[in-house]
Amino acid sequence: MTQIREYEVTVLIDPTTEPEAVAKYVEDFTTQFTHGEGEEAKPVYHAWGKRQLAYEIKRHKDAHYLHFEAKLDGTKIRGIEREMQYDESILRYLFVKKEIR
């Protein structure tokens, strides 16, 4: 039985990436983070834009920040992370499970 939980996902993209490519990442992640059918199954994307980093990552001082709130099957996160690890344009990513209140 799969359990759907709420997560916050932040992805840092190489600052030299073209805006069209960043938009493609948003589209791809929206597809990957969607579970089931309906409007509530889709992730919420927050456009944080290009921001300065607290410290250099791979010799970059800033990055495109992509932030999503999504309901995900926890068993699928490992596969998504594996794909992100092999993408040269993704500097960092973080999945955080939201607390239920």
PDB file of N, CA and C in Angstrom:
ATOM      1  N   MET A   1       0.841  -1.185   0.000  1.00  0.00           N
ATOM      2  CA  MET A   1       0.000   0.000   0.000  1.00  0.00           C
ATOM      3  C   MET A   1       0.884   1.246   0.000  1.00  0.00           C
ATOM      4  N   THR A   2       0.625   2.119  -0.910  1.00  0.00           N
ATOM      5  CA  THR A   2       1.418   3.342  -0.985  1.00  0.00           C
ATOM      6  C   THR A   2       0.775   4.413  -0.113  1.00  0.00           C
ATOM      7  N   GLN A   3       1.612   5.211   0.489  1.00  0.00           N
ATOM      8  CA  GLN A   3       1.118   6.279   1.333  1.00  0.00           C
ATOM      9  C   GLN A   3       1.552   7.614   0.746  1.00  0.00           C
ATOM     10  N   ILE A   4       0.582   8.435   0.434  1.00  0.00           N
ATOM     11  CA  ILE A   4       0.846   9.757  -0.121  1.00  0.00           C
ATOM     12  C   ILE A   4       1.028  10.731   1.039  1.00  0.00           C
ATOM     13  N   ARG A   5       2.146  11.449   1.005  1.00  0.00           N
ATOM     14  CA  ARG A   5       2.445  12.452   2.034  1.00  0.00           C
ATOM     15  C   ARG A   5       2.767  13.779   1.364  1.00  0.00           C
ATOM     16  N   GLU A   6       2.688  14.834   2.153  1.00  0.00           N
ATOM     17  CA  GLU A   6       3.002  16.166   1.634  1.00  0.00           C
ATOM     18  C   GLU A   6       4.483  16.454   1.817  1.00  0.00           C
ATOM     19  N   TYR A   7       5.089  16.974   0.749  1.00  0.00           N
ATOM     20  CA  TYR A   7       6.512  17.309   0.758  1.00  0.00           C
ATOM     21  C   TYR A   7       6.712  18.714   0.216  1.00  0.00           C
ATOM     22  N   GLU A   8       7.805  19.325   0.630  1.00  0.00           N
ATOM     23  CA  GLU A   8       8.313  20.536   0.002  1.00  0.00           C
ATOM     24  C   GLU A   8       9.585  20.118  -0.716  1.00  0.00           C
ATOM     25  N   VAL A   9       9.710  20.523  -1.965  1.00  0.00           N
ATOM     26  CA  VAL A   9      10.865  20.150  -2.770  1.00  0.00           C
ATOM     27  C   VAL A   9      11.501  21.433  -3.301  1.00  0.00           C
ATOM     28  N   THR A  10      12.788  21.615  -3.002  1.00  0.00           N
ATOM     29  CA  THR A  10      13.527  22.770  -3.503  1.00  0.00           C
ATOM     30  C   THR A  10      14.658  22.258  -4.384  1.00  0.00           C
ATOM     31  N   VAL A  11      14.780  22.867  -5.570  1.00  0.00           N
ATOM     32  CA  VAL A  11      15.807  22.466  -6.533  1.00  0.00           C
ATOM     33  C   VAL A  11      16.568  23.714  -6.951  1.00  0.00           C
ATOM     34  N   LEU A  12      17.902  23.633  -6.936  1.00  0.00           N
ATOM     35  CA  LEU A  12      18.752  24.736  -7.389  1.00  0.00           C
ATOM     36  C   LEU A  12      19.318  24.374  -8.752  1.00  0.00           C
ATOM     37  N   ILE A  13      19.060  25.238  -9.726  1.00  0.00           N
ATOM     38  CA  ILE A  13      19.489  25.020 -11.102  1.00  0.00           C
ATOM     39  C   ILE A  13      20.651  25.961 -11.432  1.00  0.00           C
ATOM     40  N   ASP A  14      21.599  25.458 -12.191  1.00  0.00           N
ATOM     41  CA  ASP A  14      22.766  26.221 -12.663  1.00  0.00           C
ATOM     42  C   ASP A  14      22.317  27.590 -13.191  1.00  0.00           C
ATOM     43  N   PRO A  15      22.953  28.688 -12.749  1.00  0.00           N
ATOM     44  CA  PRO A  15      22.535  30.028 -13.164  1.00  0.00           C
ATOM     45  C   PRO A  15      22.755  30.315 -14.646  1.00  0.00           C
ATOM     46  N   THR A  16      23.591  29.543 -15.312  1.00  0.00           N
ATOM     47  CA  THR A  16      23.834  29.775 -16.744  1.00  0.00           C
ATOM     48  C   THR A  16      22.773  29.095 -17.615  1.00  0.00           C
ATOM     49  N   THR A  17      21.843  28.396 -17.000  1.00  0.00           N
ATOM     50  CA  THR A  17      20.779  27.720 -17.737  1.00  0.00           C
ATOM     51  C   THR A  17      19.827  28.760 -18.321  1.00  0.00           C
ATOM     52  N   GLU A  18      19.486  28.589 -19.589  1.00  0.00           N
ATOM     53  CA  GLU A  18      18.586  29.518 -20.282  1.00  0.00           C
ATOM     54  C   GLU A  18      17.183  29.485 -19.657  1.00  0.00           C
ATOM     55  N   PRO A  19      16.444  30.611 -19.682  1.00  0.00           N
ATOM     56  CA  PRO A  19      15.089  30.654 -19.113  1.00  0.00           C
ATOM     57  C   PRO A  19      14.144  29.599 -19.697  1.00  0.00           C
ATOM     58  N   GLU A  20      14.304  29.292 -20.980  1.00  0.00           N
ATOM     59  CA  GLU A  20      13.448  28.280 -21.611  1.00  0.00           C
ATOM     60  C   GLU A  20      13.722  26.902 -20.998  1.00  0.00           C
ATOM     61  N   ALA A  21      14.990  26.624 -20.698  1.00  0.00           N
ATOM     62  CA  ALA A  21      15.359  25.343 -20.091  1.00  0.00           C
ATOM     63  C   ALA A  21      14.856  25.268 -18.650  1.00  0.00           C
ATOM     64  N   VAL A  22      14.895  26.389 -17.941  1.00  0.00           N
ATOM     65  CA  VAL A  22      14.370  26.424 -16.570  1.00  0.00           C
ATOM     66  C   VAL A  22      12.864  26.150 -16.599  1.00  0.00           C
ATOM     67  N   ALA A  23      12.172  26.742 -17.552  1.00  0.00           N
ATOM     68  CA  ALA A  23      10.735  26.498 -17.705  1.00  0.00           C
ATOM     69  C   ALA A  23      10.465  25.025 -18.000  1.00  0.00           C
ATOM     70  N   LYS A  24      11.338  24.401 -18.765  1.00  0.00           N
ATOM     71  CA  LYS A  24      11.203  22.970 -19.069  1.00  0.00           C
ATOM     72  C   LYS A  24      11.386  22.138 -17.796  1.00  0.00           C
ATOM     73  N   TYR A  25      12.329  22.527 -16.930  1.00  0.00           N
ATOM     74  CA  TYR A  25      12.496  21.844 -15.643  1.00  0.00           C
ATOM     75  C   TYR A  25      11.219  21.952 -14.809  1.00  0.00           C
ATOM     76  N   VAL A  26      10.620  23.139 -14.766  1.00  0.00           N
ATOM     77  CA  VAL A  26       9.378  23.338 -14.008  1.00  0.00           C
ATOM     78  C   VAL A  26       8.294  22.404 -14.551  1.00  0.00           C
ATOM     79  N   GLU A  27       8.189  22.342 -15.864  1.00  0.00           N
ATOM     80  CA  GLU A  27       7.197  21.473 -16.503  1.00  0.00           C
ATOM     81  C   GLU A  27       7.466  19.997 -16.178  1.00  0.00           C
ATOM     82  N   ASP A  28       8.710  19.582 -16.278  1.00  0.00           N
ATOM     83  CA  ASP A  28       9.074  18.189 -15.992  1.00  0.00           C
ATOM     84  C   ASP A  28       8.818  17.820 -14.537  1.00  0.00           C
ATOM     85  N   PHE A  29       9.212  18.701 -13.609  1.00  0.00           N
ATOM     86  CA  PHE A  29       8.998  18.417 -12.198  1.00  0.00           C
ATOM     87  C   PHE A  29       7.510  18.411 -11.856  1.00  0.00           C
ATOM     88  N   THR A  30       6.748  19.296 -12.464  1.00  0.00           N
ATOM     89  CA  THR A  30       5.303  19.308 -12.241  1.00  0.00           C
ATOM     90  C   THR A  30       4.703  17.969 -12.650  1.00  0.00           C
ATOM     91  N   THR A  31       5.164  17.422 -13.766  1.00  0.00           N
ATOM     92  CA  THR A  31       4.688  16.112 -14.222  1.00  0.00           C
ATOM     93  C   THR A  31       5.121  15.010 -13.256  1.00  0.00           C
ATOM     94  N   GLN A  32       6.380  15.033 -12.839  1.00  0.00           N
ATOM     95  CA  GLN A  32       6.886  14.001 -11.930  1.00  0.00           C
ATOM     96  C   GLN A  32       6.232  14.056 -10.555  1.00  0.00           C
ATOM     97  N   PHE A  33       5.903  15.241 -10.083  1.00  0.00           N
ATOM     98  CA  PHE A  33       5.360  15.405  -8.744  1.00  0.00           C
ATOM     99  C   PHE A  33       3.840  15.309  -8.695  1.00  0.00           C
ATOM    100  N   THR A  34       3.193  15.045  -9.823  1.00  0.00           N
ATOM    101  CA  THR A  34       1.744  14.911  -9.863  1.00  0.00           C
ATOM    102  C   THR A  34       1.370  13.475  -9.536  1.00  0.00           C
ATOM    103  N   HIS A  35       0.431  13.304  -8.663  1.00  0.00           N
ATOM    104  CA  HIS A  35      -0.074  11.963  -8.355  1.00  0.00           C
ATOM    105  C   HIS A  35      -1.577  11.930  -8.629  1.00  0.00           C
ATOM    106  N   GLY A  36      -2.034  10.944  -9.316  1.00  0.00           N
ATOM    107  CA  GLY A  36      -3.454  10.774  -9.570  1.00  0.00           C
ATOM    108  C   GLY A  36      -4.041  11.819 -10.499  1.00  0.00           C
ATOM    109  N   GLU A  37      -5.338  11.999 -10.375  1.00  0.00           N
ATOM    110  CA  GLU A  37      -6.086  12.913 -11.230  1.00  0.00           C
ATOM    111  C   GLU A  37      -6.634  14.077 -10.411  1.00  0.00           C
ATOM    112  N   GLY A  38      -7.008  15.128 -11.091  1.00  0.00           N
ATOM    113  CA  GLY A  38      -7.645  16.261 -10.432  1.00  0.00           C
ATOM    114  C   GLY A  38      -6.664  17.369 -10.097  1.00  0.00           C
ATOM    115  N   GLU A  39      -7.242  18.504  -9.746  1.00  0.00           N
ATOM    116  CA  GLU A  39      -6.448  19.705  -9.476  1.00  0.00           C
ATOM    117  C   GLU A  39      -5.627  19.571  -8.198  1.00  0.00           C
ATOM    118  N   GLU A  40      -6.166  18.898  -7.172  1.00  0.00           N
ATOM    119  CA  GLU A  40      -5.423  18.779  -5.914  1.00  0.00           C
ATOM    120  C   GLU A  40      -4.263  17.798  -6.004  1.00  0.00           C
ATOM    121  N   ALA A  41      -4.191  17.019  -7.072  1.00  0.00           N
ATOM    122  CA  ALA A  41      -3.086  16.072  -7.256  1.00  0.00           C
ATOM    123  C   ALA A  41      -1.843  16.752  -7.814  1.00  0.00           C
ATOM    124  N   LYS A  42      -2.009  17.964  -8.353  1.00  0.00           N
ATOM    125  CA  LYS A  42      -0.883  18.681  -8.948  1.00  0.00           C
ATOM    126  C   LYS A  42      -0.094  19.431  -7.882  1.00  0.00           C
ATOM    127  N   PRO A  43       1.223  19.540  -8.066  1.00  0.00           N
ATOM    128  CA  PRO A  43       2.033  20.295  -7.101  1.00  0.00           C
ATOM    129  C   PRO A  43       1.827  21.802  -7.256  1.00  0.00           C
ATOM    130  N   VAL A  44       2.108  22.519  -6.190  1.00  0.00           N
ATOM    131  CA  VAL A  44       2.064  23.982  -6.224  1.00  0.00           C
ATOM    132  C   VAL A  44       3.490  24.457  -6.447  1.00  0.00           C
ATOM    133  N   TYR A  45       3.692  25.269  -7.496  1.00  0.00           N
ATOM    134  CA  TYR A  45       5.025  25.782  -7.818  1.00  0.00           C
ATOM    135  C   TYR A  45       5.134  27.220  -7.346  1.00  0.00           C
ATOM    136  N   HIS A  46       6.230  27.529  -6.657  1.00  0.00           N
ATOM    137  CA  HIS A  46       6.513  28.893  -6.216  1.00  0.00           C
ATOM    138  C   HIS A  46       7.736  29.387  -6.987  1.00  0.00           C
ATOM    139  N   ALA A  47       7.573  30.469  -7.710  1.00  0.00           N
ATOM    140  CA  ALA A  47       8.666  31.030  -8.505  1.00  0.00           C
ATOM    141  C   ALA A  47       9.532  31.921  -7.617  1.00  0.00           C
ATOM    142  N   TRP A  48      10.660  31.391  -7.180  1.00  0.00           N
ATOM    143  CA  TRP A  48      11.591  32.154  -6.361  1.00  0.00           C
ATOM    144  C   TRP A  48      12.614  32.887  -7.212  1.00  0.00           C
ATOM    145  N   GLY A  49      12.769  32.479  -8.454  1.00  0.00           N
ATOM    146  CA  GLY A  49      13.679  33.160  -9.362  1.00  0.00           C
ATOM    147  C   GLY A  49      15.150  32.875  -9.089  1.00  0.00           C
ATOM    148  N   LYS A  50      15.991  33.758  -9.604  1.00  0.00           N
ATOM    149  CA  LYS A  50      17.434  33.613  -9.453  1.00  0.00           C
ATOM    150  C   LYS A  50      17.866  34.358  -8.192  1.00  0.00           C
ATOM    151  N   ARG A  51      18.574  33.636  -7.304  1.00  0.00           N
ATOM    152  CA  ARG A  51      18.995  34.219  -6.033  1.00  0.00           C
ATOM    153  C   ARG A  51      20.460  33.926  -5.760  1.00  0.00           C
ATOM    154  N   GLN A  52      21.036  34.751  -4.904  1.00  0.00           N
ATOM    155  CA  GLN A  52      22.420  34.548  -4.493  1.00  0.00           C
ATOM    156  C   GLN A  52      22.476  33.392  -3.495  1.00  0.00           C
ATOM    157  N   LEU A  53      23.498  32.570  -3.618  1.00  0.00           N
ATOM    158  CA  LEU A  53      23.703  31.443  -2.712  1.00  0.00           C
ATOM    159  C   LEU A  53      24.444  31.896  -1.455  1.00  0.00           C
ATOM    160  N   ALA A  54      24.256  31.194  -0.363  1.00  0.00           N
ATOM    161  CA  ALA A  54      24.969  31.509   0.877  1.00  0.00           C
ATOM    162  C   ALA A  54      26.444  31.159   0.749  1.00  0.00           C
ATOM    163  N   TYR A  55      26.745  30.153  -0.082  1.00  0.00           N
ATOM    164  CA  TYR A  55      28.129  29.745  -0.348  1.00  0.00           C
ATOM    165  C   TYR A  55      28.198  29.211  -1.765  1.00  0.00           C
ATOM    166  N   GLU A  56      29.376  29.185  -2.330  1.00  0.00           N
ATOM    167  CA  GLU A  56      29.543  28.726  -3.714  1.00  0.00           C
ATOM    168  C   GLU A  56      29.243  27.238  -3.839  1.00  0.00           C
ATOM    169  N   ILE A  57      28.570  26.894  -4.923  1.00  0.00           N
ATOM    170  CA  ILE A  57      28.317  25.497  -5.262  1.00  0.00           C
ATOM    171  C   ILE A  57      28.805  25.305  -6.689  1.00  0.00           C
ATOM    172  N   LYS A  58      29.762  24.433  -6.870  1.00  0.00           N
ATOM    173  CA  LYS A  58      30.344  24.166  -8.191  1.00  0.00           C
ATOM    174  C   LYS A  58      30.767  25.467  -8.882  1.00  0.00           C
ATOM    175  N   ARG A  59      31.397  26.341  -8.111  1.00  0.00           N
ATOM    176  CA  ARG A  59      31.925  27.629  -8.578  1.00  0.00           C
ATOM    177  C   ARG A  59      30.850  28.625  -9.011  1.00  0.00           C
ATOM    178  N   HIS A  60      29.620  28.435  -8.562  1.00  0.00           N
ATOM    179  CA  HIS A  60      28.532  29.374  -8.860  1.00  0.00           C
ATOM    180  C   HIS A  60      28.151  30.113  -7.585  1.00  0.00           C
ATOM    181  N   LYS A  61      27.894  31.419  -7.727  1.00  0.00           N
ATOM    182  CA  LYS A  61      27.522  32.238  -6.579  1.00  0.00           C
ATOM    183  C   LYS A  61      26.020  32.472  -6.506  1.00  0.00           C
ATOM    184  N   ASP A  62      25.280  32.090  -7.551  1.00  0.00           N
ATOM    185  CA  ASP A  62      23.828  32.201  -7.535  1.00  0.00           C
ATOM    186  C   ASP A  62      23.224  31.022  -8.296  1.00  0.00           C
ATOM    187  N   ALA A  63      21.896  30.899  -8.204  1.00  0.00           N
ATOM    188  CA  ALA A  63      21.218  29.773  -8.843  1.00  0.00           C
ATOM    189  C   ALA A  63      19.749  30.111  -9.049  1.00  0.00           C
ATOM    190  N   HIS A  64      19.116  29.385  -9.965  1.00  0.00           N
ATOM    191  CA  HIS A  64      17.667  29.468 -10.156  1.00  0.00           C
ATOM    192  C   HIS A  64      17.044  28.564  -9.094  1.00  0.00           C
ATOM    193  N   TYR A  65      16.155  29.127  -8.274  1.00  0.00           N
ATOM    194  CA  TYR A  65      15.492  28.357  -7.229  1.00  0.00           C
ATOM    195  C   TYR A  65      14.119  27.922  -7.723  1.00  0.00           C
ATOM    196  N   LEU A  66      13.842  26.626  -7.650  1.00  0.00           N
ATOM    197  CA  LEU A  66      12.524  26.085  -7.965  1.00  0.00           C
ATOM    198  C   LEU A  66      11.997  25.467  -6.673  1.00  0.00           C
ATOM    199  N   HIS A  67      10.797  25.851  -6.263  1.00  0.00           N
ATOM    200  CA  HIS A  67      10.234  25.329  -5.018  1.00  0.00           C
ATOM    201  C   HIS A  67       8.826  24.810  -5.285  1.00  0.00           C
ATOM    202  N   PHE A  68       8.581  23.577  -4.846  1.00  0.00           N
ATOM    203  CA  PHE A  68       7.291  22.936  -5.051  1.00  0.00           C
ATOM    204  C   PHE A  68       6.737  22.444  -3.727  1.00  0.00           C
ATOM    205  N   GLU A  69       5.419  22.470  -3.601  1.00  0.00           N
ATOM    206  CA  GLU A  69       4.711  21.784  -2.532  1.00  0.00           C
ATOM    207  C   GLU A  69       3.904  20.708  -3.231  1.00  0.00           C
ATOM    208  N   ALA A  70       4.147  19.447  -2.862  1.00  0.00           N
ATOM    209  CA  ALA A  70       3.527  18.349  -3.597  1.00  0.00           C
ATOM    210  C   ALA A  70       3.149  17.212  -2.672  1.00  0.00           C
ATOM    211  N   LYS A  71       2.145  16.471  -3.077  1.00  0.00           N
ATOM    212  CA  LYS A  71       1.783  15.231  -2.400  1.00  0.00           C
ATOM    213  C   LYS A  71       2.415  14.121  -3.220  1.00  0.00           C
ATOM    214  N   LEU A  72       3.317  13.366  -2.584  1.00  0.00           N
ATOM    215  CA  LEU A  72       4.090  12.350  -3.300  1.00  0.00           C
ATOM    216  C   LEU A  72       4.021  11.009  -2.599  1.00  0.00           C
ATOM    217  N   ASP A  73       4.189   9.971  -3.386  1.00  0.00           N
ATOM    218  CA  ASP A  73       4.367   8.625  -2.865  1.00  0.00           C
ATOM    219  C   ASP A  73       5.832   8.528  -2.455  1.00  0.00           C
ATOM    220  N   GLY A  74       6.086   8.299  -1.178  1.00  0.00           N
ATOM    221  CA  GLY A  74       7.449   8.275  -0.662  1.00  0.00           C
ATOM    222  C   GLY A  74       8.356   7.268  -1.341  1.00  0.00           C
ATOM    223  N   THR A  75       7.784   6.196  -1.890  1.00  0.00           N
ATOM    224  CA  THR A  75       8.598   5.172  -2.548  1.00  0.00           C
ATOM    225  C   THR A  75       9.154   5.650  -3.887  1.00  0.00           C
ATOM    226  N   LYS A  76       8.566   6.698  -4.453  1.00  0.00           N
ATOM    227  CA  LYS A  76       9.027   7.192  -5.758  1.00  0.00           C
ATOM    228  C   LYS A  76      10.110   8.259  -5.643  1.00  0.00           C
ATOM    229  N   ILE A  77      10.298   8.795  -4.444  1.00  0.00           N
ATOM    230  CA  ILE A  77      11.266   9.874  -4.257  1.00  0.00           C
ATOM    231  C   ILE A  77      12.677   9.413  -4.607  1.00  0.00           C
ATOM    232  N   ARG A  78      13.041   8.199  -4.238  1.00  0.00           N
ATOM    233  CA  ARG A  78      14.393   7.674  -4.511  1.00  0.00           C
ATOM    234  C   ARG A  78      14.700   7.711  -6.002  1.00  0.00           C
ATOM    235  N   GLY A  79      13.754   7.317  -6.833  1.00  0.00           N
ATOM    236  CA  GLY A  79      13.953   7.333  -8.280  1.00  0.00           C
ATOM    237  C   GLY A  79      14.111   8.745  -8.823  1.00  0.00           C
ATOM    238  N   ILE A  80      13.317   9.676  -8.296  1.00  0.00           N
ATOM    239  CA  ILE A  80      13.411  11.073  -8.727  1.00  0.00           C
ATOM    240  C   ILE A  80      14.774  11.643  -8.325  1.00  0.00           C
ATOM    241  N   GLU A  81      15.215  11.344  -7.105  1.00  0.00           N
ATOM    242  CA  GLU A  81      16.527  11.824  -6.649  1.00  0.00           C
ATOM    243  C   GLU A  81      17.649  11.271  -7.517  1.00  0.00           C
ATOM    244  N   ARG A  82      17.530  10.029  -7.902  1.00  0.00           N
ATOM    245  CA  ARG A  82      18.564   9.401  -8.736  1.00  0.00           C
ATOM    246  C   ARG A  82      18.690  10.141 -10.078  1.00  0.00           C
ATOM    247  N   GLU A  83      17.547  10.497 -10.668  1.00  0.00           N
ATOM    248  CA  GLU A  83      17.574  11.249 -11.926  1.00  0.00           C
ATOM    249  C   GLU A  83      18.214  12.619 -11.728  1.00  0.00           C
ATOM    250  N   MET A  84      17.923  13.264 -10.606  1.00  0.00           N
ATOM    251  CA  MET A  84      18.476  14.592 -10.332  1.00  0.00           C
ATOM    252  C   MET A  84      19.993  14.532 -10.145  1.00  0.00           C
ATOM    253  N   GLN A  85      20.496  13.470  -9.549  1.00  0.00           N
ATOM    254  CA  GLN A  85      21.933  13.338  -9.315  1.00  0.00           C
ATOM    255  C   GLN A  85      22.723  13.329 -10.612  1.00  0.00           C
ATOM    256  N   TYR A  86      22.150  12.791 -11.668  1.00  0.00           N
ATOM    257  CA  TYR A  86      22.871  12.659 -12.930  1.00  0.00           C
ATOM    258  C   TYR A  86      22.687  13.860 -13.857  1.00  0.00           C
ATOM    259  N   ASP A  87      21.892  14.820 -13.444  1.00  0.00           N
ATOM    260  CA  ASP A  87      21.664  16.016 -14.260  1.00  0.00           C
ATOM    261  C   ASP A  87      22.694  17.082 -13.874  1.00  0.00           C
ATOM    262  N   GLU A  88      23.566  17.433 -14.803  1.00  0.00           N
ATOM    263  CA  GLU A  88      24.654  18.392 -14.544  1.00  0.00           C
ATOM    264  C   GLU A  88      24.141  19.790 -14.175  1.00  0.00           C
ATOM    265  N   SER A  89      22.944  20.172 -14.643  1.00  0.00           N
ATOM    266  CA  SER A  89      22.422  21.511 -14.382  1.00  0.00           C
ATOM    267  C   SER A  89      21.809  21.657 -12.997  1.00  0.00           C
ATOM    268  N   ILE A  90      21.516  20.544 -12.335  1.00  0.00           N
ATOM    269  CA  ILE A  90      20.938  20.602 -10.996  1.00  0.00           C
ATOM    270  C   ILE A  90      22.085  20.633  -9.988  1.00  0.00           C
ATOM    271  N   LEU A  91      22.206  21.766  -9.296  1.00  0.00           N
ATOM    272  CA  LEU A  91      23.287  21.951  -8.332  1.00  0.00           C
ATOM    273  C   LEU A  91      22.969  21.253  -7.009  1.00  0.00           C
ATOM    274  N   ARG A  92      21.746  21.414  -6.513  1.00  0.00           N
ATOM    275  CA  ARG A  92      21.314  20.805  -5.258  1.00  0.00           C
ATOM    276  C   ARG A  92      19.803  20.585  -5.323  1.00  0.00           C
ATOM    277  N   TYR A  93      19.327  19.678  -4.464  1.00  0.00           N
ATOM    278  CA  TYR A  93      17.892  19.453  -4.313  1.00  0.00           C
ATOM    279  C   TYR A  93      17.639  18.986  -2.894  1.00  0.00           C
ATOM    280  N   LEU A  94      16.412  19.193  -2.423  1.00  0.00           N
ATOM    281  CA  LEU A  94      16.072  18.777  -1.074  1.00  0.00           C
ATOM    282  C   LEU A  94      14.585  18.456  -1.009  1.00  0.00           C
ATOM    283  N   PHE A  95      14.267  17.264  -0.506  1.00  0.00           N
ATOM    284  CA  PHE A  95      12.894  16.849  -0.250  1.00  0.00           C
ATOM    285  C   PHE A  95      12.683  16.920   1.257  1.00  0.00           C
ATOM    286  N   VAL A  96      11.649  17.628   1.709  1.00  0.00           N
ATOM    287  CA  VAL A  96      11.345  17.733   3.134  1.00  0.00           C
ATOM    288  C   VAL A  96       9.888  17.342   3.337  1.00  0.00           C
ATOM    289  N   LYS A  97       9.672  16.362   4.213  1.00  0.00           N
ATOM    290  CA  LYS A  97       8.305  15.935   4.519  1.00  0.00           C
ATOM    291  C   LYS A  97       7.673  16.973   5.441  1.00  0.00           C
ATOM    292  N   LYS A  98       6.488  17.464   5.057  1.00  0.00           N
ATOM    293  CA  LYS A  98       5.788  18.443   5.880  1.00  0.00           C
ATOM    294  C   LYS A  98       5.120  17.743   7.055  1.00  0.00           C
ATOM    295  N   GLU A  99       5.122  18.404   8.186  1.00  0.00           N
ATOM    296  CA  GLU A  99       4.483  17.848   9.373  1.00  0.00           C
ATOM    297  C   GLU A  99       2.972  18.002   9.273  1.00  0.00           C
ATOM    298  N   ILE A 100       2.289  17.003   9.779  1.00  0.00           N
ATOM    299  CA  ILE A 100       0.824  17.050   9.809  1.00  0.00           C
ATOM    300  C   ILE A 100       0.423  17.682  11.138  1.00  0.00           C
ATOM    301  N   ARG A 101      -0.416  18.681  11.058  1.00  0.00           N
ATOM    302  CA  ARG A 101      -0.837  19.388  12.284  1.00  0.00           C
ATOM    303  C   ARG A 101      -2.290  19.155  12.535  1.00  0.00           C
TER     304      ARG A 101
END
